[in-house]
Amino acid sequence: MIPKHAIQQKIEWRFYFYKYHIRENSILKSTYYIIYFIVISFIGFVTMGVDKRKAIYKRWRIPEKRLWFIALIGGAVGTWLGMMVFHHKSRRIHFVIGFTVLAIIDISIMLFLFN
C-alpha cells in the first residue's frame, strides 16, 4: 500500500504544475496579443502618414475603408496617433470619434489581457 503522504505530495505536485503551467501559457498568449497590437498600431500610424503625404502631393489615396479596417483589427491606437500627429482626417468627426472609441476599446482589451 502507498503511504498517504506520498499520495498527498503527488497531488500537490500536479496542482503546482498545472497552476503554473497554465499561468505561463496565458502570459505567453497575452504577450503575443500585445505584440500584435503594437505591430498593427505601427502599421496604422504609418498608413495615416502615407495617406497624408499622398494627400499633400495630390496622388492616389489610401481608401477610407482600409483605414477603418486597420483600426478595427486592433490598430486604432496607431491610427488615432497618426491622425493627431499628421493632422490627417482630424476635421472629419466620424474619424475623430470612431478612432477614439476604438482606441479606448483596444487599450481596455490590452489592460484586460495583462490582468
PDB file of N, CA and C in Angstrom:
ATOM      1  N   MET A   1       0.844  -1.177   0.000  1.00  0.00           N
ATOM      2  CA  MET A   1       0.000   0.000   0.000  1.00  0.00           C
ATOM      3  C   MET A   1       0.894   1.246   0.000  1.00  0.00           C
ATOM      4  N   ILE A   2       0.449   2.273  -0.745  1.00  0.00           N
ATOM      5  CA  ILE A   2       1.204   3.515  -0.867  1.00  0.00           C
ATOM      6  C   ILE A   2       0.905   4.386   0.351  1.00  0.00           C
ATOM      7  N   PRO A   3       1.961   4.942   0.962  1.00  0.00           N
ATOM      8  CA  PRO A   3       1.735   5.825   2.112  1.00  0.00           C
ATOM      9  C   PRO A   3       0.894   7.052   1.719  1.00  0.00           C
ATOM     10  N   LYS A   4       0.123   7.521   2.705  1.00  0.00           N
ATOM     11  CA  LYS A   4      -0.788   8.629   2.464  1.00  0.00           C
ATOM     12  C   LYS A   4      -0.037   9.916   2.108  1.00  0.00           C
ATOM     13  N   HIS A   5       1.102  10.178   2.750  1.00  0.00           N
ATOM     14  CA  HIS A   5       1.844  11.407   2.483  1.00  0.00           C
ATOM     15  C   HIS A   5       2.427  11.404   1.061  1.00  0.00           C
ATOM     16  N   ALA A   6       2.742  10.220   0.503  1.00  0.00           N
ATOM     17  CA  ALA A   6       3.249  10.136  -0.866  1.00  0.00           C
ATOM     18  C   ALA A   6       2.157  10.523  -1.866  1.00  0.00           C
ATOM     19  N   ILE A   7       0.935  10.076  -1.607  1.00  0.00           N
ATOM     20  CA  ILE A   7      -0.186  10.441  -2.478  1.00  0.00           C
ATOM     21  C   ILE A   7      -0.444  11.938  -2.388  1.00  0.00           C
ATOM     22  N   GLN A   8      -0.379  12.475  -1.175  1.00  0.00           N
ATOM     23  CA  GLN A   8      -0.597  13.910  -0.978  1.00  0.00           C
ATOM     24  C   GLN A   8       0.472  14.723  -1.710  1.00  0.00           C
ATOM     25  N   GLN A   9       1.720  14.296  -1.652  1.00  0.00           N
ATOM     26  CA  GLN A   9       2.791  15.005  -2.347  1.00  0.00           C
ATOM     27  C   GLN A   9       2.584  14.957  -3.859  1.00  0.00           C
ATOM     28  N   LYS A  10       2.154  13.825  -4.350  1.00  0.00           N
ATOM     29  CA  LYS A  10       1.914  13.682  -5.785  1.00  0.00           C
ATOM     30  C   LYS A  10       0.783  14.616  -6.232  1.00  0.00           C
ATOM     31  N   ILE A  11      -0.274  14.690  -5.451  1.00  0.00           N
ATOM     32  CA  ILE A  11      -1.397  15.572  -5.780  1.00  0.00           C
ATOM     33  C   ILE A  11      -0.952  17.033  -5.723  1.00  0.00           C
ATOM     34  N   GLU A  12      -0.172  17.405  -4.698  1.00  0.00           N
ATOM     35  CA  GLU A  12       0.308  18.774  -4.586  1.00  0.00           C
ATOM     36  C   GLU A  12       1.213  19.124  -5.760  1.00  0.00           C
ATOM     37  N   TRP A  13       2.052  18.193  -6.176  1.00  0.00           N
ATOM     38  CA  TRP A  13       2.949  18.454  -7.303  1.00  0.00           C
ATOM     39  C   TRP A  13       2.157  18.681  -8.585  1.00  0.00           C
ATOM     40  N   ARG A  14       1.132  17.857  -8.812  1.00  0.00           N
ATOM     41  CA  ARG A  14       0.313  18.034 -10.007  1.00  0.00           C
ATOM     42  C   ARG A  14      -0.418  19.376  -9.977  1.00  0.00           C
ATOM     43  N   PHE A  15      -0.952  19.739  -8.820  1.00  0.00           N
ATOM     44  CA  PHE A  15      -1.628  21.017  -8.696  1.00  0.00           C
ATOM     45  C   PHE A  15      -0.654  22.154  -8.980  1.00  0.00           C
ATOM     46  N   TYR A  16       0.532  22.088  -8.418  1.00  0.00           N
ATOM     47  CA  TYR A  16       1.560  23.106  -8.632  1.00  0.00           C
ATOM     48  C   TYR A  16       1.911  23.199 -10.115  1.00  0.00           C
ATOM     49  N   PHE A  17       2.104  22.053 -10.755  1.00  0.00           N
ATOM     50  CA  PHE A  17       2.484  22.027 -12.162  1.00  0.00           C
ATOM     51  C   PHE A  17       1.394  22.646 -13.033  1.00  0.00           C
ATOM     52  N   TYR A  18       0.156  22.223 -12.851  1.00  0.00           N
ATOM     53  CA  TYR A  18      -0.927  22.738 -13.677  1.00  0.00           C
ATOM     54  C   TYR A  18      -1.177  24.221 -13.423  1.00  0.00           C
ATOM     55  N   LYS A  19      -1.095  24.616 -12.169  1.00  0.00           N
ATOM     56  CA  LYS A  19      -1.345  26.013 -11.817  1.00  0.00           C
ATOM     57  C   LYS A  19      -0.346  26.927 -12.524  1.00  0.00           C
ATOM     58  N   TYR A  20       0.924  26.622 -12.434  1.00  0.00           N
ATOM     59  CA  TYR A  20       1.933  27.498 -13.014  1.00  0.00           C
ATOM     60  C   TYR A  20       2.109  27.272 -14.509  1.00  0.00           C
ATOM     61  N   HIS A  21       1.864  26.064 -14.986  1.00  0.00           N
ATOM     62  CA  HIS A  21       1.953  25.810 -16.414  1.00  0.00           C
ATOM     63  C   HIS A  21       0.872  26.588 -17.162  1.00  0.00           C
ATOM     64  N   ILE A  22      -0.338  26.569 -16.661  1.00  0.00           N
ATOM     65  CA  ILE A  22      -1.431  27.313 -17.280  1.00  0.00           C
ATOM     66  C   ILE A  22      -1.166  28.805 -17.194  1.00  0.00           C
ATOM     67  N   ARG A  23      -0.637  29.267 -16.066  1.00  0.00           N
ATOM     68  CA  ARG A  23      -0.346  30.687 -15.900  1.00  0.00           C
ATOM     69  C   ARG A  23       0.721  31.139 -16.885  1.00  0.00           C
ATOM     70  N   GLU A  24       1.778  30.340 -17.065  1.00  0.00           N
ATOM     71  CA  GLU A  24       2.823  30.703 -18.010  1.00  0.00           C
ATOM     72  C   GLU A  24       2.287  30.742 -19.433  1.00  0.00           C
ATOM     73  N   ASN A  25       1.425  29.808 -19.797  1.00  0.00           N
ATOM     74  CA  ASN A  25       0.847  29.817 -21.137  1.00  0.00           C
ATOM     75  C   ASN A  25      -0.026  31.043 -21.354  1.00  0.00           C
ATOM     76  N   SER A  26      -0.804  31.454 -20.352  1.00  0.00           N
ATOM     77  CA  SER A  26      -1.655  32.619 -20.522  1.00  0.00           C
ATOM     78  C   SER A  26      -0.820  33.890 -20.624  1.00  0.00           C
ATOM     79  N   ILE A  27       0.289  33.962 -19.891  1.00  0.00           N
ATOM     80  CA  ILE A  27       1.186  35.115 -20.009  1.00  0.00           C
ATOM     81  C   ILE A  27       1.799  35.140 -21.398  1.00  0.00           C
ATOM     82  N   LEU A  28       2.184  33.988 -21.898  1.00  0.00           N
ATOM     83  CA  LEU A  28       2.760  33.908 -23.231  1.00  0.00           C
ATOM     84  C   LEU A  28       1.752  34.322 -24.294  1.00  0.00           C
ATOM     85  N   LYS A  29       0.519  33.864 -24.163  1.00  0.00           N
ATOM     86  CA  LYS A  29      -0.516  34.245 -25.116  1.00  0.00           C
ATOM     87  C   LYS A  29      -0.792  35.741 -25.055  1.00  0.00           C
ATOM     88  N   SER A  30      -0.871  36.308 -23.852  1.00  0.00           N
ATOM     89  CA  SER A  30      -1.129  37.742 -23.748  1.00  0.00           C
ATOM     90  C   SER A  30       0.037  38.546 -24.316  1.00  0.00           C
ATOM     91  N   THR A  31       1.261  38.009 -24.205  1.00  0.00           N
ATOM     92  CA  THR A  31       2.410  38.682 -24.797  1.00  0.00           C
ATOM     93  C   THR A  31       2.277  38.715 -26.315  1.00  0.00           C
ATOM     94  N   TYR A  32       1.825  37.614 -26.905  1.00  0.00           N
ATOM     95  CA  TYR A  32       1.605  37.599 -28.353  1.00  0.00           C
ATOM     96  C   TYR A  32       0.549  38.616 -28.755  1.00  0.00           C
ATOM     97  N   TYR A  33      -0.509  38.743 -27.966  1.00  0.00           N
ATOM     98  CA  TYR A  33      -1.549  39.725 -28.277  1.00  0.00           C
ATOM     99  C   TYR A  33      -1.004  41.151 -28.189  1.00  0.00           C
ATOM    100  N   ILE A  34      -0.189  41.416 -27.197  1.00  0.00           N
ATOM    101  CA  ILE A  34       0.395  42.755 -27.052  1.00  0.00           C
ATOM    102  C   ILE A  34       1.297  43.069 -28.235  1.00  0.00           C
ATOM    103  N   ILE A  35       2.117  42.104 -28.641  1.00  0.00           N
ATOM    104  CA  ILE A  35       2.979  42.306 -29.810  1.00  0.00           C
ATOM    105  C   ILE A  35       2.119  42.557 -31.045  1.00  0.00           C
ATOM    106  N   TYR A  36       1.032  41.806 -31.182  1.00  0.00           N
ATOM    107  CA  TYR A  36       0.112  42.003 -32.308  1.00  0.00           C
ATOM    108  C   TYR A  36      -0.439  43.429 -32.304  1.00  0.00           C
ATOM    109  N   PHE A  37      -0.908  43.903 -31.137  1.00  0.00           N
ATOM    110  CA  PHE A  37      -1.456  45.255 -31.057  1.00  0.00           C
ATOM    111  C   PHE A  37      -0.400  46.304 -31.404  1.00  0.00           C
ATOM    112  N   ILE A  38       0.828  46.099 -30.970  1.00  0.00           N
ATOM    113  CA  ILE A  38       1.896  47.066 -31.267  1.00  0.00           C
ATOM    114  C   ILE A  38       2.190  47.094 -32.764  1.00  0.00           C
ATOM    115  N   VAL A  39       2.300  45.928 -33.388  1.00  0.00           N
ATOM    116  CA  VAL A  39       2.599  45.867 -34.822  1.00  0.00           C
ATOM    117  C   VAL A  39       1.467  46.481 -35.643  1.00  0.00           C
ATOM    118  N   ILE A  40       0.236  46.114 -35.335  1.00  0.00           N
ATOM    119  CA  ILE A  40      -0.911  46.654 -36.076  1.00  0.00           C
ATOM    120  C   ILE A  40      -1.037  48.164 -35.853  1.00  0.00           C
ATOM    121  N   SER A  41      -0.767  48.628 -34.641  1.00  0.00           N
ATOM    122  CA  SER A  41      -0.817  50.070 -34.377  1.00  0.00           C
ATOM    123  C   SER A  41       0.264  50.799 -35.162  1.00  0.00           C
ATOM    124  N   PHE A  42       1.446  50.214 -35.262  1.00  0.00           N
ATOM    125  CA  PHE A  42       2.519  50.820 -36.054  1.00  0.00           C
ATOM    126  C   PHE A  42       2.106  50.898 -37.523  1.00  0.00           C
ATOM    127  N   ILE A  43       1.493  49.830 -38.030  1.00  0.00           N
ATOM    128  CA  ILE A  43       1.012  49.829 -39.414  1.00  0.00           C
ATOM    129  C   ILE A  43      -0.043  50.917 -39.606  1.00  0.00           C
ATOM    130  N   GLY A  44      -0.945  51.078 -38.649  1.00  0.00           N
ATOM    131  CA  GLY A  44      -1.959  52.125 -38.729  1.00  0.00           C
ATOM    132  C   GLY A  44      -1.354  53.519 -38.713  1.00  0.00           C
ATOM    133  N   PHE A  45      -0.342  53.723 -37.869  1.00  0.00           N
ATOM    134  CA  PHE A  45       0.336  55.021 -37.783  1.00  0.00           C
ATOM    135  C   PHE A  45       1.008  55.359 -39.113  1.00  0.00           C
ATOM    136  N   VAL A  46       1.741  54.388 -39.657  1.00  0.00           N
ATOM    137  CA  VAL A  46       2.442  54.612 -40.923  1.00  0.00           C
ATOM    138  C   VAL A  46       1.443  54.836 -42.057  1.00  0.00           C
ATOM    139  N   THR A  47       0.344  54.097 -42.046  1.00  0.00           N
ATOM    140  CA  THR A  47      -0.680  54.250 -43.090  1.00  0.00           C
ATOM    141  C   THR A  47      -1.272  55.651 -43.072  1.00  0.00           C
ATOM    142  N   MET A  48      -1.528  56.187 -41.897  1.00  0.00           N
ATOM    143  CA  MET A  48      -2.052  57.557 -41.808  1.00  0.00           C
ATOM    144  C   MET A  48      -1.020  58.561 -42.332  1.00  0.00           C
ATOM    145  N   GLY A  49       0.254  58.351 -42.020  1.00  0.00           N
ATOM    146  CA  GLY A  49       1.304  59.242 -42.514  1.00  0.00           C
ATOM    147  C   GLY A  49       1.442  59.183 -44.025  1.00  0.00           C
ATOM    148  N   VAL A  50       1.385  57.975 -44.576  1.00  0.00           N
ATOM    149  CA  VAL A  50       1.488  57.814 -46.029  1.00  0.00           C
ATOM    150  C   VAL A  50       0.291  58.457 -46.718  1.00  0.00           C
ATOM    151  N   ASP A  51      -0.894  58.260 -46.166  1.00  0.00           N
ATOM    152  CA  ASP A  51      -2.085  58.854 -46.775  1.00  0.00           C
ATOM    153  C   ASP A  51      -2.035  60.376 -46.713  1.00  0.00           C
ATOM    154  N   LYS A  52      -1.534  60.927 -45.639  1.00  0.00           N
ATOM    155  CA  LYS A  52      -1.400  62.378 -45.528  1.00  0.00           C
ATOM    156  C   LYS A  52      -0.411  62.906 -46.565  1.00  0.00           C
ATOM    157  N   ARG A  53       0.698  62.211 -46.724  1.00  0.00           N
ATOM    158  CA  ARG A  53       1.703  62.628 -47.697  1.00  0.00           C
ATOM    159  C   ARG A  53       1.130  62.576 -49.121  1.00  0.00           C
ATOM    160  N   LYS A  54       0.372  61.524 -49.412  1.00  0.00           N
ATOM    161  CA  LYS A  54      -0.254  61.412 -50.728  1.00  0.00           C
ATOM    162  C   LYS A  54      -1.300  62.504 -50.935  1.00  0.00           C
ATOM    163  N   ALA A  55      -1.978  62.885 -49.864  1.00  0.00           N
ATOM    164  CA  ALA A  55      -2.972  63.956 -49.971  1.00  0.00           C
ATOM    165  C   ALA A  55      -2.301  65.292 -50.273  1.00  0.00           C
ATOM    166  N   ILE A  56      -1.152  65.528 -49.684  1.00  0.00           N
ATOM    167  CA  ILE A  56      -0.436  66.789 -49.916  1.00  0.00           C
ATOM    168  C   ILE A  56       0.006  66.889 -51.374  1.00  0.00           C
ATOM    169  N   TYR A  57       0.523  65.783 -51.922  1.00  0.00           N
ATOM    170  CA  TYR A  57       1.018  65.783 -53.298  1.00  0.00           C
ATOM    171  C   TYR A  57      -0.041  65.392 -54.324  1.00  0.00           C
ATOM    172  N   LYS A  58      -1.300  65.321 -53.886  1.00  0.00           N
ATOM    173  CA  LYS A  58      -2.436  65.019 -54.754  1.00  0.00           C
ATOM    174  C   LYS A  58      -2.215  63.762 -55.591  1.00  0.00           C
ATOM    175  N   ARG A  59      -1.821  62.702 -54.911  1.00  0.00           N
ATOM    176  CA  ARG A  59      -1.631  61.405 -55.543  1.00  0.00           C
ATOM    177  C   ARG A  59      -2.756  60.463 -55.150  1.00  0.00           C
ATOM    178  N   TRP A  60      -2.655  59.234 -55.669  1.00  0.00           N
ATOM    179  CA  TRP A  60      -3.623  58.203 -55.340  1.00  0.00           C
ATOM    180  C   TRP A  60      -3.652  58.011 -53.829  1.00  0.00           C
ATOM    181  N   ARG A  61      -4.840  57.951 -53.253  1.00  0.00           N
ATOM    182  CA  ARG A  61      -5.002  57.899 -51.803  1.00  0.00           C
ATOM    183  C   ARG A  61      -5.317  56.496 -51.331  1.00  0.00           C
ATOM    184  N   ILE A  62      -5.096  56.277 -50.051  1.00  0.00           N
ATOM    185  CA  ILE A  62      -5.470  55.018 -49.403  1.00  0.00           C
ATOM    186  C   ILE A  62      -6.964  55.105 -49.082  1.00  0.00           C
ATOM    187  N   PRO A  63      -7.744  54.100 -49.477  1.00  0.00           N
ATOM    188  CA  PRO A  63      -9.195  54.169 -49.235  1.00  0.00           C
ATOM    189  C   PRO A  63      -9.520  54.252 -47.734  1.00  0.00           C
ATOM    190  N   GLU A  64     -10.588  54.976 -47.431  1.00  0.00           N
ATOM    191  CA  GLU A  64     -11.012  55.103 -46.037  1.00  0.00           C
ATOM    192  C   GLU A  64     -11.400  53.754 -45.448  1.00  0.00           C
ATOM    193  N   LYS A  65     -11.923  52.854 -46.272  1.00  0.00           N
ATOM    194  CA  LYS A  65     -12.267  51.516 -45.799  1.00  0.00           C
ATOM    195  C   LYS A  65     -11.049  50.806 -45.231  1.00  0.00           C
ATOM    196  N   ARG A  66      -9.900  51.003 -45.857  1.00  0.00           N
ATOM    197  CA  ARG A  66      -8.679  50.359 -45.375  1.00  0.00           C
ATOM    198  C   ARG A  66      -8.237  50.949 -44.032  1.00  0.00           C
ATOM    199  N   LEU A  67      -8.384  52.256 -43.876  1.00  0.00           N
ATOM    200  CA  LEU A  67      -8.045  52.884 -42.590  1.00  0.00           C
ATOM    201  C   LEU A  67      -8.948  52.346 -41.479  1.00  0.00           C
ATOM    202  N   TRP A  68     -10.247  52.242 -41.777  1.00  0.00           N
ATOM    203  CA  TRP A  68     -11.173  51.699 -40.789  1.00  0.00           C
ATOM    204  C   TRP A  68     -10.879  50.235 -40.491  1.00  0.00           C
ATOM    205  N   PHE A  69     -10.525  49.472 -41.517  1.00  0.00           N
ATOM    206  CA  PHE A  69     -10.218  48.056 -41.317  1.00  0.00           C
ATOM    207  C   PHE A  69      -9.015  47.889 -40.398  1.00  0.00           C
ATOM    208  N   ILE A  70      -7.972  48.674 -40.634  1.00  0.00           N
ATOM    209  CA  ILE A  70      -6.780  48.593 -39.771  1.00  0.00           C
ATOM    210  C   ILE A  70      -7.147  48.948 -38.334  1.00  0.00           C
ATOM    211  N   ALA A  71      -7.983  49.965 -38.176  1.00  0.00           N
ATOM    212  CA  ALA A  71      -8.404  50.360 -36.823  1.00  0.00           C
ATOM    213  C   ALA A  71      -9.234  49.265 -36.164  1.00  0.00           C
ATOM    214  N   LEU A  72     -10.105  48.619 -36.928  1.00  0.00           N
ATOM    215  CA  LEU A  72     -10.984  47.592 -36.361  1.00  0.00           C
ATOM    216  C   LEU A  72     -10.240  46.325 -35.949  1.00  0.00           C
ATOM    217  N   ILE A  73      -9.162  45.990 -36.633  1.00  0.00           N
ATOM    218  CA  ILE A  73      -8.450  44.752 -36.289  1.00  0.00           C
ATOM    219  C   ILE A  73      -7.405  44.967 -35.203  1.00  0.00           C
ATOM    220  N   GLY A  74      -7.412  46.128 -34.573  1.00  0.00           N
ATOM    221  CA  GLY A  74      -6.534  46.339 -33.435  1.00  0.00           C
ATOM    222  C   GLY A  74      -5.563  47.489 -33.566  1.00  0.00           C
ATOM    223  N   GLY A  75      -5.594  48.203 -34.672  1.00  0.00           N
ATOM    224  CA  GLY A  75      -4.647  49.293 -34.872  1.00  0.00           C
ATOM    225  C   GLY A  75      -5.211  50.665 -34.592  1.00  0.00           C
ATOM    226  N   ALA A  76      -6.241  50.731 -33.793  1.00  0.00           N
ATOM    227  CA  ALA A  76      -6.905  52.012 -33.544  1.00  0.00           C
ATOM    228  C   ALA A  76      -6.001  52.996 -32.805  1.00  0.00           C
ATOM    229  N   VAL A  77      -5.172  52.502 -31.915  1.00  0.00           N
ATOM    230  CA  VAL A  77      -4.275  53.406 -31.177  1.00  0.00           C
ATOM    231  C   VAL A  77      -3.299  54.068 -32.152  1.00  0.00           C
ATOM    232  N   GLY A  78      -2.735  53.289 -33.054  1.00  0.00           N
ATOM    233  CA  GLY A  78      -1.797  53.827 -34.036  1.00  0.00           C
ATOM    234  C   GLY A  78      -2.455  54.767 -35.028  1.00  0.00           C
ATOM    235  N   THR A  79      -3.647  54.413 -35.487  1.00  0.00           N
ATOM    236  CA  THR A  79      -4.334  55.298 -36.427  1.00  0.00           C
ATOM    237  C   THR A  79      -4.764  56.593 -35.743  1.00  0.00           C
ATOM    238  N   TRP A  80      -5.160  56.493 -34.481  1.00  0.00           N
ATOM    239  CA  TRP A  80      -5.515  57.707 -33.732  1.00  0.00           C
ATOM    240  C   TRP A  80      -4.288  58.599 -33.535  1.00  0.00           C
ATOM    241  N   LEU A  81      -3.157  57.973 -33.160  1.00  0.00           N
ATOM    242  CA  LEU A  81      -1.924  58.761 -33.003  1.00  0.00           C
ATOM    243  C   LEU A  81      -1.493  59.378 -34.332  1.00  0.00           C
ATOM    244  N   GLY A  82      -1.614  58.608 -35.419  1.00  0.00           N
ATOM    245  CA  GLY A  82      -1.289  59.140 -36.741  1.00  0.00           C
ATOM    246  C   GLY A  82      -2.193  60.295 -37.123  1.00  0.00           C
ATOM    247  N   MET A  83      -3.466  60.192 -36.772  1.00  0.00           N
ATOM    248  CA  MET A  83      -4.406  61.265 -37.055  1.00  0.00           C
ATOM    249  C   MET A  83      -4.002  62.533 -36.300  1.00  0.00           C
ATOM    250  N   MET A  84      -3.569  62.390 -35.055  1.00  0.00           N
ATOM    251  CA  MET A  84      -3.192  63.557 -34.259  1.00  0.00           C
ATOM    252  C   MET A  84      -1.830  64.116 -34.674  1.00  0.00           C
ATOM    253  N   VAL A  85      -0.863  63.261 -34.942  1.00  0.00           N
ATOM    254  CA  VAL A  85       0.487  63.723 -35.293  1.00  0.00           C
ATOM    255  C   VAL A  85       0.502  64.370 -36.674  1.00  0.00           C
ATOM    256  N   PHE A  86      -0.120  63.726 -37.654  1.00  0.00           N
ATOM    257  CA  PHE A  86      -0.082  64.228 -39.028  1.00  0.00           C
ATOM    258  C   PHE A  86      -1.233  65.180 -39.350  1.00  0.00           C
ATOM    259  N   HIS A  87      -2.137  65.411 -38.395  1.00  0.00           N
ATOM    260  CA  HIS A  87      -3.323  66.254 -38.602  1.00  0.00           C
ATOM    261  C   HIS A  87      -4.080  65.795 -39.848  1.00  0.00           C
ATOM    262  N   HIS A  88      -4.277  64.507 -39.917  1.00  0.00           N
ATOM    263  CA  HIS A  88      -4.917  63.905 -41.083  1.00  0.00           C
ATOM    264  C   HIS A  88      -6.265  63.324 -40.675  1.00  0.00           C
ATOM    265  N   LYS A  89      -7.298  63.677 -41.397  1.00  0.00           N
ATOM    266  CA  LYS A  89      -8.671  63.255 -41.137  1.00  0.00           C
ATOM    267  C   LYS A  89      -9.177  63.785 -39.800  1.00  0.00           C
ATOM    268  N   SER A  90      -8.540  64.808 -39.276  1.00  0.00           N
ATOM    269  CA  SER A  90      -8.930  65.318 -37.959  1.00  0.00           C
ATOM    270  C   SER A  90     -10.124  66.263 -38.038  1.00  0.00           C
ATOM    271  N   ARG A  91     -10.519  66.666 -39.227  1.00  0.00           N
ATOM    272  CA  ARG A  91     -11.703  67.514 -39.372  1.00  0.00           C
ATOM    273  C   ARG A  91     -12.971  66.684 -39.523  1.00  0.00           C
ATOM    274  N   ARG A  92     -12.811  65.427 -39.833  1.00  0.00           N
ATOM    275  CA  ARG A  92     -13.976  64.556 -40.021  1.00  0.00           C
ATOM    276  C   ARG A  92     -14.366  63.961 -38.673  1.00  0.00           C
ATOM    277  N   ILE A  93     -15.533  64.335 -38.227  1.00  0.00           N
ATOM    278  CA  ILE A  93     -15.970  63.983 -36.882  1.00  0.00           C
ATOM    279  C   ILE A  93     -16.131  62.476 -36.706  1.00  0.00           C
ATOM    280  N   HIS A  94     -16.547  61.764 -37.764  1.00  0.00           N
ATOM    281  CA  HIS A  94     -16.716  60.318 -37.614  1.00  0.00           C
ATOM    282  C   HIS A  94     -15.366  59.621 -37.450  1.00  0.00           C
ATOM    283  N   PHE A  95     -14.296  60.179 -38.004  1.00  0.00           N
ATOM    284  CA  PHE A  95     -12.971  59.618 -37.768  1.00  0.00           C
ATOM    285  C   PHE A  95     -12.494  59.920 -36.350  1.00  0.00           C
ATOM    286  N   VAL A  96     -12.696  61.150 -35.920  1.00  0.00           N
ATOM    287  CA  VAL A  96     -12.240  61.542 -34.578  1.00  0.00           C
ATOM    288  C   VAL A  96     -12.933  60.708 -33.506  1.00  0.00           C
ATOM    289  N   ILE A  97     -14.242  60.622 -33.580  1.00  0.00           N
ATOM    290  CA  ILE A  97     -14.997  59.868 -32.576  1.00  0.00           C
ATOM    291  C   ILE A  97     -14.750  58.368 -32.724  1.00  0.00           C
ATOM    292  N   GLY A  98     -14.796  57.875 -33.956  1.00  0.00           N
ATOM    293  CA  GLY A  98     -14.641  56.440 -34.192  1.00  0.00           C
ATOM    294  C   GLY A  98     -13.276  55.914 -33.778  1.00  0.00           C
ATOM    295  N   PHE A  99     -12.209  56.591 -34.190  1.00  0.00           N
ATOM    296  CA  PHE A  99     -10.871  56.129 -33.828  1.00  0.00           C
ATOM    297  C   PHE A  99     -10.619  56.269 -32.330  1.00  0.00           C
ATOM    298  N   THR A 100     -11.189  57.307 -31.717  1.00  0.00           N
ATOM    299  CA  THR A 100     -11.030  57.473 -30.275  1.00  0.00           C
ATOM    300  C   THR A 100     -11.713  56.342 -29.514  1.00  0.00           C
ATOM    301  N   VAL A 101     -12.935  56.019 -29.905  1.00  0.00           N
ATOM    302  CA  VAL A 101     -13.670  54.927 -29.240  1.00  0.00           C
ATOM    303  C   VAL A 101     -12.950  53.592 -29.449  1.00  0.00           C
ATOM    304  N   LEU A 102     -12.514  53.336 -30.681  1.00  0.00           N
ATOM    305  CA  LEU A 102     -11.801  52.080 -30.949  1.00  0.00           C
ATOM    306  C   LEU A 102     -10.469  52.012 -30.193  1.00  0.00           C
ATOM    307  N   ALA A 103      -9.787  53.147 -30.063  1.00  0.00           N
ATOM    308  CA  ALA A 103      -8.529  53.165 -29.311  1.00  0.00           C
ATOM    309  C   ALA A 103      -8.776  52.859 -27.832  1.00  0.00           C
ATOM    310  N   ILE A 104      -9.853  53.400 -27.273  1.00  0.00           N
ATOM    311  CA  ILE A 104     -10.193  53.108 -25.876  1.00  0.00           C
ATOM    312  C   ILE A 104     -10.516  51.627 -25.708  1.00  0.00           C
ATOM    313  N   ILE A 105     -11.233  51.057 -26.675  1.00  0.00           N
ATOM    314  CA  ILE A 105     -11.552  49.629 -26.620  1.00  0.00           C
ATOM    315  C   ILE A 105     -10.268  48.792 -26.710  1.00  0.00           C
ATOM    316  N   ASP A 106      -9.364  49.162 -27.624  1.00  0.00           N
ATOM    317  CA  ASP A 106      -8.098  48.420 -27.750  1.00  0.00           C
ATOM    318  C   ASP A 106      -7.274  48.485 -26.472  1.00  0.00           C
ATOM    319  N   ILE A 107      -7.195  49.653 -25.874  1.00  0.00           N
ATOM    320  CA  ILE A 107      -6.431  49.798 -24.627  1.00  0.00           C
ATOM    321  C   ILE A 107      -7.093  48.991 -23.513  1.00  0.00           C
ATOM    322  N   SER A 108      -8.413  48.977 -23.472  1.00  0.00           N
ATOM    323  CA  SER A 108      -9.118  48.188 -22.461  1.00  0.00           C
ATOM    324  C   SER A 108      -8.838  46.698 -22.630  1.00  0.00           C
ATOM    325  N   ILE A 109      -8.818  46.235 -23.864  1.00  0.00           N
ATOM    326  CA  ILE A 109      -8.509  44.823 -24.127  1.00  0.00           C
ATOM    327  C   ILE A 109      -7.091  44.499 -23.683  1.00  0.00           C
ATOM    328  N   MET A 110      -6.141  45.389 -23.979  1.00  0.00           N
ATOM    329  CA  MET A 110      -4.755  45.137 -23.548  1.00  0.00           C
ATOM    330  C   MET A 110      -4.637  45.099 -22.034  1.00  0.00           C
ATOM    331  N   LEU A 111      -5.310  46.011 -21.354  1.00  0.00           N
ATOM    332  CA  LEU A 111      -5.271  46.010 -19.893  1.00  0.00           C
ATOM    333  C   LEU A 111      -5.917  44.753 -19.316  1.00  0.00           C
ATOM    334  N   PHE A 112      -6.988  44.300 -19.952  1.00  0.00           N
ATOM    335  CA  PHE A 112      -7.655  43.076 -19.521  1.00  0.00           C
ATOM    336  C   PHE A 112      -6.726  41.866 -19.690  1.00  0.00           C
ATOM    337  N   LEU A 113      -5.979  41.845 -20.777  1.00  0.00           N
ATOM    338  CA  LEU A 113      -5.077  40.713 -21.031  1.00  0.00           C
ATOM    339  C   LEU A 113      -3.931  40.651 -20.027  1.00  0.00           C
ATOM    340  N   PHE A 114      -3.504  41.802 -19.519  1.00  0.00           N
ATOM    341  CA  PHE A 114      -2.406  41.799 -18.563  1.00  0.00           C
ATOM    342  C   PHE A 114      -2.864  41.517 -17.133  1.00  0.00           C
ATOM    343  N   ASN A 115      -4.143  41.598 -16.862  1.00  0.00           N
ATOM    344  CA  ASN A 115      -4.637  41.330 -15.506  1.00  0.00           C
ATOM    345  C   ASN A 115      -5.261  40.000 -15.391  1.00  0.00           C
TER     346      ASN A 115
END
